[in-house]
Amino acid sequence: MEEKFKIAVFIDFDNIEIGVKSTLQREFDVAAVLDALKERGEIVTKIAYANWGRQDTFTRQLSEHAVQMVQRDPSPRGDKNGADINLALDALEMAFTHDHINSFAIVSGDSDFIALVNKLKQYDKRVFVVGGRAFTSTILQKNCHEFISYESLLMDAPRHARSGGPPSQGQTQPQSAPPQRGGQRRPPPLELSLAMPLVDRALQVLERREVRPQLGLLKSTMLQLDSTFSEKAYGAGSFTDFVEKLQKADLVNVTGGEGRYMIMRKGGTAAEPSSAAKPEEALPVLRDVLETHRLEIDNGALAEDLAIWVKEEQPDFDWKKFGFQEFSEMLNFAQDKGVVRVEPDEEKGLLVYLGREFHPPAVPEPEPEAISDEQPTEEPQPLIMGKPASELAKAARRPRRKAAAAGAGGASRRQSRPRKTGGGRRPRLPQPDVQPAE
């Protein structure tokens, strides 16, 4: 029996709102996110965290969808991670106190939530992450159970909502849908051949388990192997459409009717490993362009300008061959590798700076040697025949300056003292030195 998911939704609103606006030039639509999660289970609670004083235009939209809004009051020192801490604490508390909630959806692109995701997985909770491919950390995308890209949700929106044009006759704009800016086009679909290594690997896993490769089981296995997979990235409206596209392209064998498809590898052989380039192989080209325009990027360059420079200097370079639908997705991947640093700007869009790879941390200076307060150990003094050892030890401990001063003072006193003559005490004759017997 298929497990039913009871989902708790936690929205880092400031993060997702600025990410969508800076990368897609659109306003965040909470309805699209909730609709996508409803396809996966029942939503039992919805909480959003933000400084609602600067997000007052969205409060009505969230209220219409019964989203609880938690106010995050920034402290005088900035409070950059205030919403992250509140969200993580509330999510963990709910995981401990509400046993019937078995799934959590984190709507954010912040890599700081990776610790929360891992902790929820340890407590046997299914974790969905909703964010944009262009601004959600790739580490966060690959460590959840399923990553739902915001770009794929826009593909399901009505055509007039995507194009920014007026609705056709007889259609009305939903009141809950926010206004769209800029007429964002649909991202171009990826080639089906790029998905074949993952499809082939999932089919091999099912064969080793001796399980019949049915439609739903194939998708769940693919998500276990790669949580970032989405059939919509390949221009398919559903996983069934995706499999039909693979069949038409003669990439897999499909038997059975609609709803009971059985998928087999073509000829029983694995897909060519070289059919899809790895994302890491796109970075050398990006490094060369960054080095050429180092001065411009040091002060921050627009992502659109950097894409133009890449096309001018590498006309044959196509980032879609490496699995990136958009240039911004490649920049997001490069940021996690330390090649660039990307900062979203609400007015300008994405600003790109050189990453830590180009600006490694300075080598720390060696620490000065600590001066010890301990007194130097005294070396043993040589023994002199005919002189007591106690006097030798006292002489060794006596400071030289004091000894010299004392000797000089004594000599002067002896020179200034008048010598007594006659009638007095006989002067002491000097004693001859006694030589030790051989």
Protein backbone atom coordinates (compact mmCIF):
# COMPACT_ATOMS: atom_id res chain seq x y z
CA MET A 1 0.00 0.00 0.00
CA GLU A 2 1.38 3.39 -0.99
CA GLU A 3 2.33 5.61 1.94
CA LYS A 4 0.27 8.77 2.37
CA PHE A 5 2.27 11.90 3.07
CA LYS A 6 1.16 14.42 5.70
CA ILE A 7 3.16 17.49 4.74
CA ALA A 8 4.20 20.48 6.86
CA VAL A 9 5.27 23.43 4.69
CA PHE A 10 7.88 25.92 5.96
CA ILE A 11 8.57 28.95 3.74
CA ASP A 12 11.68 31.14 4.05
CA PHE A 13 9.80 33.91 2.31
CA ASP A 14 12.53 36.57 2.10
CA ASN A 15 14.90 34.10 0.47
CA ILE A 16 12.51 32.59 -2.05
CA GLU A 17 10.96 35.92 -2.98
CA ILE A 18 14.24 37.68 -3.83
CA GLY A 19 15.54 34.54 -5.56
CA VAL A 20 12.56 34.31 -7.90
CA LYS A 21 12.58 38.03 -8.59
CA SER A 22 16.32 38.27 -9.36
CA THR A 23 16.64 35.12 -11.50
CA LEU A 24 13.25 34.79 -13.20
CA GLN A 25 12.07 38.42 -13.10
CA ARG A 26 8.76 37.27 -11.65
CA GLU A 27 6.83 37.66 -8.42
CA PHE A 28 6.70 34.67 -6.12
CA ASP A 29 3.44 32.70 -6.43
CA VAL A 30 2.69 30.66 -3.32
CA ALA A 31 -0.32 29.03 -5.03
CA ALA A 32 1.91 27.27 -7.57
CA VAL A 33 4.07 25.87 -4.77
CA LEU A 34 1.13 24.60 -2.72
CA ASP A 35 -0.52 23.02 -5.77
CA ALA A 36 2.66 21.09 -6.55
CA LEU A 37 2.90 19.82 -2.97
CA LYS A 38 -0.77 18.78 -2.96
CA GLU A 39 0.04 16.39 -5.79
CA ARG A 40 2.43 14.59 -3.43
CA GLY A 41 0.31 14.44 -0.27
CA GLU A 42 -1.96 16.26 2.15
CA ILE A 43 -0.77 19.62 3.47
CA VAL A 44 -1.54 19.86 7.18
CA THR A 45 0.21 23.13 8.09
CA LYS A 46 1.72 26.10 6.25
CA ILE A 47 4.07 28.63 7.92
CA ALA A 48 6.00 31.50 6.31
CA TYR A 49 8.77 33.56 7.91
CA ALA A 50 9.64 37.11 6.85
CA ASN A 51 9.86 40.73 7.86
CA TRP A 52 6.31 41.41 6.77
CA GLY A 53 6.78 45.15 7.07
CA ARG A 54 8.60 45.07 3.72
CA GLN A 55 6.47 42.28 2.26
CA ASP A 56 3.03 43.80 2.82
CA THR A 57 2.04 43.28 -0.84
CA PHE A 58 2.11 39.49 -0.32
CA THR A 59 0.23 39.25 2.96
CA ARG A 60 -3.19 39.13 1.27
CA GLN A 61 -2.05 36.35 -1.08
CA LEU A 62 -0.76 34.26 1.82
CA SER A 63 -3.90 34.90 3.88
CA GLU A 64 -6.07 33.62 1.03
CA HIS A 65 -4.17 30.32 1.17
CA ALA A 66 -4.33 30.07 4.99
CA VAL A 67 -0.57 30.44 5.42
CA GLN A 68 0.46 31.37 8.96
CA MET A 69 2.79 34.36 8.83
CA VAL A 70 5.50 34.57 11.49
CA GLN A 71 7.06 38.00 11.92
CA ARG A 72 10.84 38.14 11.89
CA ASP A 73 12.00 41.34 13.56
CA PRO A 74 15.53 42.20 12.41
CA SER A 75 17.92 43.15 15.18
CA PRO A 76 20.06 46.33 15.03
CA ARG A 77 23.04 44.16 14.07
CA GLY A 78 21.36 42.77 10.97
CA ASP A 79 19.98 39.38 12.11
CA LYS A 80 20.84 37.74 8.78
CA ASN A 81 20.01 34.20 9.90
CA GLY A 82 17.08 35.01 12.19
CA ALA A 83 14.45 33.44 9.92
CA ASP A 84 16.62 30.36 9.38
CA ILE A 85 16.93 29.70 13.10
CA ASN A 86 13.21 30.19 13.80
CA LEU A 87 12.22 27.96 10.91
CA ALA A 88 14.62 25.18 11.91
CA LEU A 89 13.52 25.23 15.56
CA ASP A 90 9.81 25.13 14.68
CA ALA A 91 10.32 22.32 12.16
CA LEU A 92 12.23 20.17 14.65
CA GLU A 93 9.69 20.84 17.38
CA MET A 94 6.89 19.73 15.05
CA ALA A 95 8.85 16.60 14.12
CA PHE A 96 9.14 15.70 17.82
CA THR A 97 5.59 16.53 18.90
CA HIS A 98 3.43 15.61 15.87
CA ASP A 99 3.97 11.98 14.98
CA HIS A 100 1.34 11.99 12.24
CA ILE A 101 3.38 14.49 10.18
CA ASN A 102 5.77 12.36 8.13
CA SER A 103 6.85 14.86 5.46
CA PHE A 104 8.33 18.35 5.47
CA ALA A 105 8.61 20.84 2.62
CA ILE A 106 11.34 23.51 2.90
CA VAL A 107 10.64 26.37 0.49
CA SER A 108 14.00 28.09 0.25
CA GLY A 109 17.28 28.09 -1.62
CA ASP A 110 19.53 28.65 1.39
CA SER A 111 22.27 26.04 1.88
CA ASP A 112 22.12 26.70 5.64
CA PHE A 113 19.11 24.36 5.77
CA ILE A 114 21.19 21.30 4.87
CA ALA A 115 21.64 20.54 8.59
CA LEU A 116 17.87 20.67 9.11
CA VAL A 117 17.25 18.42 6.09
CA ASN A 118 19.73 15.83 7.34
CA LYS A 119 18.25 15.88 10.84
CA LEU A 120 14.69 15.39 9.56
CA LYS A 121 15.88 12.46 7.44
CA GLN A 122 17.45 10.92 10.53
CA TYR A 123 14.02 10.98 12.16
CA ASP A 124 12.53 9.12 9.18
CA LYS A 125 10.76 12.15 7.68
CA ARG A 126 10.46 12.66 3.95
CA VAL A 127 11.87 16.01 2.91
CA PHE A 128 10.88 18.06 -0.14
CA VAL A 129 12.81 21.18 -1.11
CA VAL A 130 11.16 23.80 -3.32
CA GLY A 131 13.39 26.43 -4.92
CA GLY A 132 14.82 27.71 -8.17
CA ARG A 133 17.53 25.78 -9.95
CA ALA A 134 19.35 29.06 -10.47
CA PHE A 135 19.54 30.06 -6.81
CA THR A 136 19.07 26.92 -4.70
CA SER A 137 22.31 25.39 -3.50
CA THR A 138 23.12 22.22 -5.43
CA ILE A 139 24.10 20.63 -2.11
CA LEU A 140 20.57 21.21 -0.83
CA GLN A 141 19.06 19.96 -4.08
CA LYS A 142 20.90 16.63 -3.99
CA ASN A 143 20.47 15.83 -0.29
CA CYS A 144 16.66 15.97 0.00
CA HIS A 145 14.28 13.22 -1.07
CA GLU A 146 12.85 15.29 -3.93
CA PHE A 147 13.74 18.72 -5.26
CA ILE A 148 10.85 20.62 -6.88
CA SER A 149 12.17 23.38 -9.11
CA TYR A 150 10.18 26.59 -9.21
CA GLU A 151 10.89 26.85 -12.96
CA SER A 152 8.95 23.63 -13.58
CA LEU A 153 5.95 25.08 -11.72
CA LEU A 154 5.87 28.07 -14.08
CA MET A 155 5.49 25.71 -17.04
CA ASP A 156 2.16 24.58 -15.66
CA ALA A 157 0.87 28.15 -15.35
CA PRO A 158 -1.62 29.46 -17.92
CA ARG A 159 -0.05 30.72 -21.11
CA HIS A 160 -1.17 34.32 -20.54
CA ALA A 161 0.41 34.24 -17.07
CA ARG A 162 3.75 33.20 -18.54
CA SER A 163 3.74 35.70 -21.37
CA GLY A 164 2.47 38.59 -19.31
CA GLY A 165 -0.22 39.31 -21.89
CA PRO A 166 -3.93 39.75 -21.26
CA PRO A 167 -6.11 36.64 -20.94
CA SER A 168 -8.11 35.52 -23.92
CA GLN A 169 -11.84 36.08 -24.19
CA GLY A 170 -13.78 34.16 -21.59
CA GLN A 171 -10.78 33.78 -19.30
CA THR A 172 -10.16 35.72 -16.13
CA GLN A 173 -6.98 36.25 -14.20
CA PRO A 174 -7.10 34.40 -10.86
CA GLN A 175 -7.23 36.83 -7.99
CA SER A 176 -4.56 34.94 -6.07
CA ALA A 177 -2.01 35.08 -8.89
CA PRO A 178 0.49 37.90 -8.43
CA PRO A 179 1.33 40.25 -11.27
CA GLN A 180 4.11 39.06 -13.54
CA ARG A 181 7.01 41.13 -14.77
CA GLY A 182 9.08 41.03 -17.89
CA GLY A 183 7.29 38.22 -19.76
CA GLN A 184 9.65 35.45 -18.70
CA ARG A 185 9.94 32.83 -21.44
CA ARG A 186 9.79 29.12 -20.76
CA PRO A 187 13.28 27.64 -20.27
CA PRO A 188 14.29 25.53 -23.27
CA PRO A 189 13.86 21.78 -22.63
CA LEU A 190 16.91 19.58 -22.26
CA GLU A 191 17.75 16.83 -24.73
CA LEU A 192 16.32 13.45 -23.80
CA SER A 193 19.73 11.83 -24.19
CA LEU A 194 20.88 13.71 -21.09
CA ALA A 195 18.38 11.74 -18.99
CA MET A 196 19.37 8.32 -20.31
CA PRO A 197 22.28 7.64 -17.90
CA LEU A 198 19.89 8.09 -14.97
CA VAL A 199 17.09 6.08 -16.64
CA ASP A 200 19.48 3.26 -17.47
CA ARG A 201 20.92 3.21 -13.94
CA ALA A 202 17.43 3.04 -12.40
CA LEU A 203 16.42 0.18 -14.71
CA GLN A 204 19.55 -1.73 -13.76
CA VAL A 205 18.70 -1.27 -10.06
CA LEU A 206 15.21 -2.68 -10.63
CA GLU A 207 16.64 -5.61 -12.59
CA ARG A 208 19.01 -6.49 -9.74
CA ARG A 209 16.07 -6.35 -7.32
CA GLU A 210 14.12 -8.61 -9.69
CA VAL A 211 11.27 -6.10 -9.70
CA ARG A 212 9.09 -5.40 -12.71
CA PRO A 213 9.98 -1.89 -13.99
CA GLN A 214 6.58 -0.25 -13.85
CA LEU A 215 6.03 3.44 -14.43
CA GLY A 216 5.65 4.67 -10.85
CA LEU A 217 8.40 2.44 -9.52
CA LEU A 218 10.81 3.69 -12.15
CA LYS A 219 10.26 7.32 -11.20
CA SER A 220 10.61 6.68 -7.47
CA THR A 221 13.87 4.83 -8.13
CA MET A 222 15.16 7.68 -10.28
CA LEU A 223 14.37 10.14 -7.49
CA GLN A 224 16.24 7.95 -5.01
CA LEU A 225 19.29 8.10 -7.26
CA ASP A 226 18.95 11.79 -8.14
CA SER A 227 16.52 13.96 -6.18
CA THR A 228 16.89 16.79 -8.72
CA PHE A 229 15.26 14.85 -11.56
CA SER A 230 12.16 16.41 -13.09
CA GLU A 231 10.49 15.22 -16.27
CA LYS A 232 9.35 18.78 -16.92
CA ALA A 233 12.94 19.83 -17.54
CA TYR A 234 12.75 17.70 -20.69
CA GLY A 235 9.54 19.28 -21.94
CA ALA A 236 7.18 16.61 -20.59
CA GLY A 237 4.02 17.47 -18.69
CA SER A 238 4.04 14.20 -16.73
CA PHE A 239 6.22 11.17 -16.24
CA THR A 240 4.00 9.22 -18.63
CA ASP A 241 4.67 11.84 -21.33
CA PHE A 242 8.37 11.58 -20.53
CA VAL A 243 8.40 7.81 -21.08
CA GLU A 244 6.44 8.20 -24.31
CA LYS A 245 9.03 10.70 -25.53
CA LEU A 246 11.78 8.20 -24.74
CA GLN A 247 9.91 5.54 -26.71
CA LYS A 248 9.42 7.80 -29.74
CA ALA A 249 13.12 8.67 -29.66
CA ASP A 250 13.88 4.91 -29.70
CA LEU A 251 15.78 5.14 -26.40
CA VAL A 252 13.76 2.53 -24.42
CA ASN A 253 11.38 -0.32 -25.05
CA VAL A 254 7.86 0.16 -23.67
CA THR A 255 5.21 -2.53 -23.39
CA GLY A 256 1.69 -2.50 -21.99
CA GLY A 257 -1.05 0.06 -22.16
CA GLU A 258 -1.51 3.50 -20.68
CA GLY A 259 -1.22 3.42 -16.93
CA ARG A 260 0.48 0.00 -16.92
CA TYR A 261 3.62 0.67 -18.88
CA MET A 262 6.62 -1.65 -18.54
CA ILE A 263 9.94 -0.02 -19.43
CA MET A 264 12.97 -1.99 -20.57
CA ARG A 265 16.44 -0.97 -21.64
CA LYS A 266 16.96 -0.81 -25.37
CA GLY A 267 18.47 -4.12 -26.42
CA GLY A 268 19.31 -4.84 -22.79
CA THR A 269 22.46 -2.75 -23.01
CA ALA A 270 23.47 0.20 -20.92
CA ALA A 271 23.46 3.71 -22.26
CA GLU A 272 26.75 5.09 -23.45
CA PRO A 273 28.48 6.89 -20.56
CA SER A 274 29.79 9.51 -22.93
CA SER A 275 26.31 10.44 -24.16
CA ALA A 276 25.98 13.07 -21.42
CA ALA A 277 28.74 15.37 -20.31
CA LYS A 278 29.24 15.93 -16.59
CA PRO A 279 28.46 19.37 -15.14
CA GLU A 280 32.05 19.73 -13.89
CA GLU A 281 33.29 19.67 -17.48
CA ALA A 282 31.69 23.07 -18.12
CA LEU A 283 33.78 24.86 -15.50
CA PRO A 284 37.11 25.16 -17.41
CA VAL A 285 35.46 27.30 -20.09
CA LEU A 286 33.91 29.52 -17.44
CA ARG A 287 37.26 29.87 -15.65
CA ASP A 288 38.96 31.08 -18.83
CA VAL A 289 36.34 33.76 -19.43
CA LEU A 290 36.47 34.88 -15.81
CA GLU A 291 40.24 35.24 -16.00
CA THR A 292 39.96 37.31 -19.19
CA HIS A 293 37.41 39.70 -17.63
CA ARG A 294 38.83 39.62 -14.14
CA LEU A 295 38.85 43.39 -13.65
CA GLU A 296 35.18 43.80 -14.59
CA ILE A 297 34.03 40.89 -12.45
CA ASP A 298 36.05 41.99 -9.43
CA ASN A 299 33.59 44.86 -9.02
CA GLY A 300 30.53 42.72 -9.80
CA ALA A 301 29.18 41.99 -13.28
CA LEU A 302 25.66 41.16 -14.41
CA ALA A 303 25.03 37.50 -15.23
CA GLU A 304 23.65 38.55 -18.63
CA ASP A 305 26.93 40.32 -19.47
CA LEU A 306 28.95 37.29 -18.44
CA ALA A 307 26.80 35.05 -20.65
CA ILE A 308 27.51 37.36 -23.61
CA TRP A 309 31.27 37.20 -22.93
CA VAL A 310 31.11 33.39 -22.84
CA LYS A 311 29.29 33.28 -26.20
CA GLU A 312 31.73 35.75 -27.78
CA GLU A 313 34.86 33.92 -26.65
CA GLN A 314 33.52 30.35 -26.89
CA PRO A 315 30.93 30.31 -29.72
CA ASP A 316 30.67 26.51 -29.69
CA PHE A 317 30.05 26.27 -25.96
CA ASP A 318 26.50 25.21 -25.00
CA TRP A 319 25.71 24.85 -21.30
CA LYS A 320 22.60 22.76 -22.08
CA LYS A 321 24.90 19.89 -23.11
CA PHE A 322 26.07 19.74 -19.50
CA GLY A 323 22.55 19.52 -18.05
CA PHE A 324 21.88 23.23 -17.41
CA GLN A 325 18.68 24.70 -18.80
CA GLU A 326 19.82 28.26 -18.15
CA PHE A 327 23.16 30.03 -17.80
CA SER A 328 22.18 31.05 -14.27
CA GLU A 329 21.93 27.37 -13.32
CA MET A 330 25.55 26.87 -14.36
CA LEU A 331 26.55 29.89 -12.27
CA ASN A 332 24.74 28.40 -9.28
CA PHE A 333 26.67 25.15 -9.74
CA ALA A 334 29.94 27.08 -10.11
CA GLN A 335 29.21 28.97 -6.89
CA ASP A 336 29.06 25.73 -4.90
CA LYS A 337 32.43 24.81 -6.42
CA GLY A 338 33.98 28.12 -5.35
CA VAL A 339 34.52 29.44 -8.90
CA VAL A 340 32.16 32.43 -8.57
CA ARG A 341 30.09 34.18 -5.95
CA VAL A 342 26.53 35.11 -6.97
CA GLU A 343 24.47 37.74 -5.17
CA PRO A 344 20.83 38.42 -6.14
CA ASP A 345 19.81 42.04 -6.50
CA GLU A 346 16.14 43.01 -6.62
CA GLU A 347 16.76 45.81 -9.12
CA LYS A 348 19.66 44.59 -11.28
CA GLY A 349 19.24 40.83 -11.14
CA LEU A 350 22.14 38.44 -10.53
CA LEU A 351 25.53 39.97 -9.81
CA VAL A 352 28.57 37.75 -10.30
CA TYR A 353 31.86 38.09 -8.43
CA LEU A 354 35.01 36.00 -8.46
CA GLY A 355 34.84 33.11 -6.02
CA ARG A 356 37.26 31.91 -3.39
CA GLU A 357 39.15 29.97 -6.05
CA PHE A 358 40.42 33.28 -7.45
CA HIS A 359 40.77 34.90 -4.02
CA PRO A 360 42.19 32.22 -1.72
CA PRO A 361 42.51 33.16 1.93
CA ALA A 362 45.81 34.71 2.95
CA VAL A 363 48.40 32.42 4.48
CA PRO A 364 48.42 33.07 8.24
CA GLU A 365 51.63 34.57 9.58
CA PRO A 366 53.66 32.29 11.83
CA GLU A 367 53.06 32.92 15.49
CA PRO A 368 55.97 34.49 17.36
CA GLU A 369 57.83 32.19 19.67
CA ALA A 370 56.61 32.50 23.21
CA ILE A 371 59.13 33.96 25.64
CA SER A 372 59.36 31.71 28.63
CA ASP A 373 59.24 33.24 32.10
CA GLU A 374 61.21 30.38 33.57
CA GLN A 375 64.75 31.06 34.78
CA PRO A 376 67.47 29.33 32.79
CA THR A 377 68.72 26.22 34.43
CA GLU A 378 72.10 26.60 36.11
CA GLU A 379 74.87 24.47 34.77
CA PRO A 380 76.83 22.50 37.35
CA GLN A 381 80.00 24.31 38.43
CA PRO A 382 83.36 22.55 38.26
CA LEU A 383 84.83 21.38 41.54
CA ILE A 384 88.03 23.10 42.76
CA MET A 385 90.19 21.31 45.21
CA GLY A 386 90.56 23.07 48.54
CA LYS A 387 87.40 25.20 48.19
CA PRO A 388 84.07 24.27 49.79
CA ALA A 389 81.25 23.43 47.37
CA SER A 390 78.83 25.76 49.21
CA GLU A 391 81.01 28.78 48.44
CA LEU A 392 81.19 27.76 44.81
CA ALA A 393 77.37 27.58 44.62
CA LYS A 394 77.02 31.01 46.21
CA ALA A 395 79.52 32.49 43.79
CA ALA A 396 77.63 30.96 40.84
CA ARG A 397 74.34 32.43 42.00
CA ARG A 398 75.78 35.88 42.64
CA PRO A 399 75.12 38.32 39.74
CA ARG A 400 78.25 39.39 37.98
CA ARG A 401 77.45 43.10 38.12
CA LYS A 402 76.84 43.05 41.81
CA ALA A 403 79.97 41.04 42.36
CA ALA A 404 82.01 43.43 40.25
CA ALA A 405 80.52 46.47 41.99
CA ALA A 406 81.13 44.92 45.34
CA GLY A 407 84.73 44.12 44.39
CA ALA A 408 85.36 47.64 43.14
CA GLY A 409 83.81 49.18 46.24
CA GLY A 410 85.85 46.98 48.52
CA ALA A 411 89.07 47.84 46.76
CA SER A 412 88.39 51.57 47.02
CA ARG A 413 87.60 51.20 50.69
CA ARG A 414 90.79 49.31 51.27
CA GLN A 415 92.79 51.95 49.41
CA SER A 416 91.24 54.85 51.35
CA ARG A 417 91.64 53.16 54.78
CA PRO A 418 94.79 54.38 56.58
CA ARG A 419 97.28 51.68 57.57
CA LYS A 420 98.05 51.40 61.29
CA THR A 421 101.73 51.35 62.24
CA GLY A 422 103.62 50.76 65.43
CA GLY A 423 102.25 49.93 68.84
CA GLY A 424 99.26 48.36 67.33
CA ARG A 425 98.29 44.93 66.23
CA ARG A 426 100.90 43.16 64.22
CA PRO A 427 100.04 43.10 60.53
CA ARG A 428 98.87 39.70 59.22
CA LEU A 429 101.39 38.15 56.95
CA PRO A 430 100.14 36.59 53.76
CA GLN A 431 99.71 32.83 53.99
CA PRO A 432 101.55 30.77 51.43
CA ASP A 433 99.43 28.82 49.00
CA VAL A 434 99.20 25.17 49.89
CA GLN A 435 99.60 22.96 46.92
CA PRO A 436 97.58 19.75 46.93
CA ALA A 437 99.59 16.60 47.34
CA GLU A 438 100.07 14.70 44.13
